[in-house]
């Protein structure tokens, strides 16, 4: 009788500890964060960081490419940075109206390229050169960008003005599906199969390179 009771007790203990272990393992915290599939960054001046990300590394012809560029203050204090005109190369843009009031832009090139050769290349035209676009207010004589601590919210000051002309997030998204070719009438061409170089650059000379493939 004692053996039976002992056996039943051991079986009950096994089931209890087994179930407890199973429940414990199934409720462990799981990270839901998903870092960018294709991203990179580079330190710029005075604690700024320029970052670039794509939503993938491979695409099909005609597929939209999501490109996001950020200029972020890495310091835990307000960061006042003087405007500059030290672009690594010309042709950077965030849309048909150029770089707007951002101190950065992007460019896409056919083929695989590095910092040593992009300055001699012509970026692909991402917007229709024959179209007329309604551009928002673009400031002249920007003197200073004042970044809030640990982020990209920035007050933009013009020359000889003690009040910010506007405040905005230093974050832009570009969504190309192809590039424009042809004269005198331009036509949109899907990205053809091959490798492409995406470059983000800011007016302090920082650059970030990423690559994607169309297949």
Protein backbone atom coordinates (compact mmCIF):
# COMPACT_ATOMS: atom_id res chain seq x y z
CA UNK A 1 0.00 0.00 0.00
CA UNK A 2 2.83 2.37 0.91
CA UNK A 3 4.51 1.59 -2.43
CA UNK A 4 1.30 2.48 -4.27
CA UNK A 5 0.93 5.75 -2.34
CA UNK A 6 4.58 6.58 -2.97
CA UNK A 7 4.23 5.83 -6.67
CA UNK A 8 1.13 7.99 -6.95
CA UNK A 9 2.92 10.79 -5.07
CA UNK A 10 5.94 10.60 -7.37
CA UNK A 11 3.70 10.63 -10.46
CA UNK A 12 1.85 13.69 -9.10
CA UNK A 13 5.15 15.44 -8.36
CA UNK A 14 6.46 14.67 -11.85
CA UNK A 15 3.30 16.02 -13.51
CA UNK A 16 3.35 19.13 -11.33
CA UNK A 17 7.00 19.99 -11.94
CA UNK A 18 6.75 19.08 -15.63
CA UNK A 19 3.74 21.33 -16.17
CA UNK A 20 5.38 24.09 -14.15
CA UNK A 21 8.49 23.87 -16.31
CA UNK A 22 6.41 23.93 -19.50
CA UNK A 23 4.42 26.98 -18.43
CA UNK A 24 7.60 28.80 -17.39
CA UNK A 25 9.31 28.23 -20.73
CA UNK A 26 6.29 29.31 -22.76
CA UNK A 27 6.00 32.65 -20.99
CA UNK A 28 9.58 33.85 -21.37
CA UNK A 29 9.75 37.43 -22.74
CA UNK A 30 10.34 37.58 -26.51
CA UNK A 31 11.81 40.61 -28.25
CA UNK A 32 9.50 42.01 -30.93
CA UNK A 33 11.95 44.59 -32.26
CA UNK A 34 13.05 44.06 -35.85
CA UNK A 35 16.12 46.12 -36.82
CA UNK A 36 16.39 47.47 -40.36
CA UNK A 37 17.10 44.81 -42.92
CA UNK A 38 19.51 47.05 -44.81
CA UNK A 39 20.86 49.96 -42.78
CA UNK A 40 24.04 51.85 -41.93
CA UNK A 41 25.14 55.08 -40.25
CA UNK A 42 28.09 57.41 -39.98
CA UNK A 43 29.17 59.99 -37.41
CA UNK A 44 29.04 63.56 -38.67
CA UNK A 45 30.13 66.79 -36.94
CA UNK A 46 29.49 67.89 -33.34
CA UNK A 47 27.77 64.74 -32.13
CA UNK A 48 25.49 64.30 -35.14
CA UNK A 49 24.87 60.93 -36.74
CA UNK A 50 23.68 60.37 -40.30
CA UNK A 51 21.79 57.12 -40.88
CA UNK A 52 20.36 55.45 -43.97
CA UNK A 53 18.04 52.45 -44.25
CA UNK A 54 16.25 50.48 -46.96
CA UNK A 55 13.35 48.13 -46.39
CA UNK A 56 15.15 45.31 -48.19
CA UNK A 57 18.37 44.36 -49.95
CA UNK A 58 16.68 42.79 -52.98
CA UNK A 59 13.79 43.99 -55.14
CA UNK A 60 11.92 43.09 -58.31
CA UNK A 61 11.55 45.46 -61.29
CA UNK A 62 8.76 47.96 -60.61
CA UNK A 63 8.80 47.41 -56.86
CA UNK A 64 8.83 50.52 -54.66
CA UNK A 65 12.02 51.02 -52.67
CA UNK A 66 11.58 52.64 -49.26
CA UNK A 67 14.60 54.78 -48.39
CA UNK A 68 14.76 56.56 -45.02
CA UNK A 69 17.46 59.02 -43.99
CA UNK A 70 17.92 60.57 -40.52
CA UNK A 71 20.18 63.19 -38.99
CA UNK A 72 20.23 62.62 -35.22
CA UNK A 73 21.79 64.35 -32.25
CA UNK A 74 23.59 61.69 -30.22
CA UNK A 75 24.29 64.08 -27.33
CA UNK A 76 22.06 64.22 -24.24
CA UNK A 77 21.96 68.01 -24.46
CA UNK A 78 20.82 70.65 -26.94
CA UNK A 79 23.24 70.73 -29.85
CA UNK A 80 23.68 73.91 -31.90
CA UNK A 81 25.41 73.18 -35.21
CA UNK A 82 26.38 75.86 -37.71
CA UNK A 83 25.21 75.31 -41.28
CA UNK A 84 27.88 74.43 -43.82
CA UNK A 85 28.23 73.82 -47.52
CA UNK A 86 30.66 70.94 -47.34
CA UNK A 87 28.72 68.45 -49.46
CA UNK A 88 30.77 65.46 -50.59
CA UNK A 89 29.22 65.72 -54.06
CA UNK A 90 26.34 67.42 -55.87
CA UNK A 91 23.00 65.92 -56.86
CA UNK A 92 21.72 64.87 -53.42
CA UNK A 93 17.97 65.18 -52.98
CA UNK A 94 14.93 64.13 -50.95
CA UNK A 95 12.45 64.85 -53.77
CA UNK A 96 11.74 67.00 -56.81
CA UNK A 97 12.49 70.20 -54.86
CA UNK A 98 16.01 69.17 -53.87
CA UNK A 99 17.00 68.84 -50.23
CA UNK A 100 14.37 71.36 -49.07
CA UNK A 101 15.37 72.56 -45.58
CA UNK A 102 17.15 69.36 -44.64
CA UNK A 103 20.93 69.32 -44.27
CA UNK A 104 21.06 65.99 -46.13
CA UNK A 105 19.92 64.15 -49.23
CA UNK A 106 20.25 60.85 -51.08
CA UNK A 107 21.39 59.70 -54.50
CA UNK A 108 21.19 56.39 -56.37
CA UNK A 109 23.78 55.15 -58.83
CA UNK A 110 23.82 52.15 -61.16
CA UNK A 111 26.46 49.62 -60.19
CA UNK A 112 28.61 49.12 -57.11
CA UNK A 113 30.42 52.28 -56.05
CA UNK A 114 32.52 53.53 -53.13
CA UNK A 115 33.35 56.97 -51.66
CA UNK A 116 36.32 57.25 -53.99
CA UNK A 117 34.34 57.42 -57.23
CA UNK A 118 30.81 58.77 -56.66
CA UNK A 119 31.89 62.42 -56.95
CA UNK A 120 32.67 61.82 -60.63
CA UNK A 121 29.34 60.09 -61.39
CA UNK A 122 25.89 61.41 -62.25
CA UNK A 123 23.07 60.16 -59.99
CA UNK A 124 19.95 58.64 -61.52
CA UNK A 125 17.06 61.10 -61.94
CA UNK A 126 14.42 60.02 -59.42
CA UNK A 127 11.88 62.72 -60.35
CA UNK A 128 10.42 63.77 -63.68
CA UNK A 129 12.67 66.58 -64.99
CA UNK A 130 9.87 67.81 -67.30
CA UNK A 131 7.23 68.17 -64.56
CA UNK A 132 6.49 71.27 -62.49
CA UNK A 133 6.17 70.50 -58.80
CA UNK A 134 4.62 72.72 -56.09
CA UNK A 135 7.54 73.12 -53.69
CA UNK A 136 7.00 74.10 -50.04
CA UNK A 137 8.74 77.05 -48.41
CA UNK A 138 12.50 76.67 -48.78
CA UNK A 139 14.55 78.84 -46.44
CA UNK A 140 17.41 81.01 -47.62
CA UNK A 141 20.55 81.74 -45.63
CA UNK A 142 20.13 79.02 -43.02
CA UNK A 143 22.72 79.73 -40.34
CA UNK A 144 22.16 77.18 -37.57
CA UNK A 145 20.45 73.88 -36.79
CA UNK A 146 19.61 73.49 -33.09
CA UNK A 147 18.95 69.83 -32.29
CA UNK A 148 17.02 68.77 -29.21
CA UNK A 149 18.79 66.26 -26.92
CA UNK A 150 19.04 62.65 -28.13
CA UNK A 151 16.84 63.00 -31.19
CA UNK A 152 16.22 64.61 -34.57
CA UNK A 153 13.79 67.42 -33.65
CA UNK A 154 15.53 70.56 -34.85
CA UNK A 155 14.95 74.31 -34.84
CA UNK A 156 16.23 75.98 -38.01
CA UNK A 157 17.59 79.52 -37.78
CA UNK A 158 18.27 81.97 -40.58
CA UNK A 159 21.05 84.52 -40.70
CA UNK A 160 20.62 87.47 -38.27
CA UNK A 161 17.41 86.04 -36.81
CA UNK A 162 17.13 85.17 -33.13
CA UNK A 163 13.92 83.18 -33.57
CA UNK A 164 13.73 79.87 -35.42
CA UNK A 165 12.17 80.05 -38.88
CA UNK A 166 10.69 76.58 -38.36
CA UNK A 167 11.11 73.40 -36.37
CA UNK A 168 10.95 69.95 -37.91
CA UNK A 169 12.22 66.41 -37.59
CA UNK A 170 15.39 65.70 -39.53
CA UNK A 171 13.89 62.61 -41.10
CA UNK A 172 12.96 62.06 -44.75
CA UNK A 173 11.56 59.18 -46.78
CA UNK A 174 12.10 58.65 -50.51
CA UNK A 175 10.02 56.07 -52.40
CA UNK A 176 11.37 55.53 -55.94
CA UNK A 177 10.15 52.78 -58.25
CA UNK A 178 12.62 53.67 -60.99
CA UNK A 179 14.38 56.56 -62.67
CA UNK A 180 13.73 59.03 -65.48
CA UNK A 181 15.52 58.88 -68.82
CA UNK A 182 15.18 60.33 -72.30
CA UNK A 183 15.10 63.70 -74.01
CA UNK A 184 13.26 65.76 -75.03
CA UNK A 185 10.46 63.78 -73.36
CA UNK A 186 11.44 61.93 -70.20
CA UNK A 187 10.06 58.49 -69.41
CA UNK A 188 10.04 56.53 -66.17
CA UNK A 189 12.15 53.36 -66.32
CA UNK A 190 11.90 50.65 -63.70
CA UNK A 191 15.12 49.68 -61.97
CA UNK A 192 16.49 47.00 -64.28
CA UNK A 193 18.17 43.85 -62.91
CA UNK A 194 21.56 44.56 -61.40
CA UNK A 195 23.19 46.14 -58.37
CA UNK A 196 22.66 49.74 -57.25
CA UNK A 197 24.40 52.05 -54.80
CA UNK A 198 22.41 54.33 -52.48
CA UNK A 199 24.30 57.19 -50.85
CA UNK A 200 23.13 59.55 -48.12
CA UNK A 201 25.21 62.66 -47.53
CA UNK A 202 24.94 65.72 -45.32
CA UNK A 203 26.23 69.26 -45.69
CA UNK A 204 29.04 68.59 -43.21
CA UNK A 205 30.59 66.00 -45.53
CA UNK A 206 29.37 62.76 -43.92
CA UNK A 207 28.35 59.92 -46.26
CA UNK A 208 26.62 56.56 -45.80
CA UNK A 209 26.58 53.82 -48.46
CA UNK A 210 24.08 50.98 -48.94
CA UNK A 211 23.49 48.57 -51.81
CA UNK A 212 20.49 46.77 -53.25
CA UNK A 213 19.96 44.28 -56.04
CA UNK A 214 17.13 44.08 -58.56
CA UNK A 215 16.51 40.61 -59.93
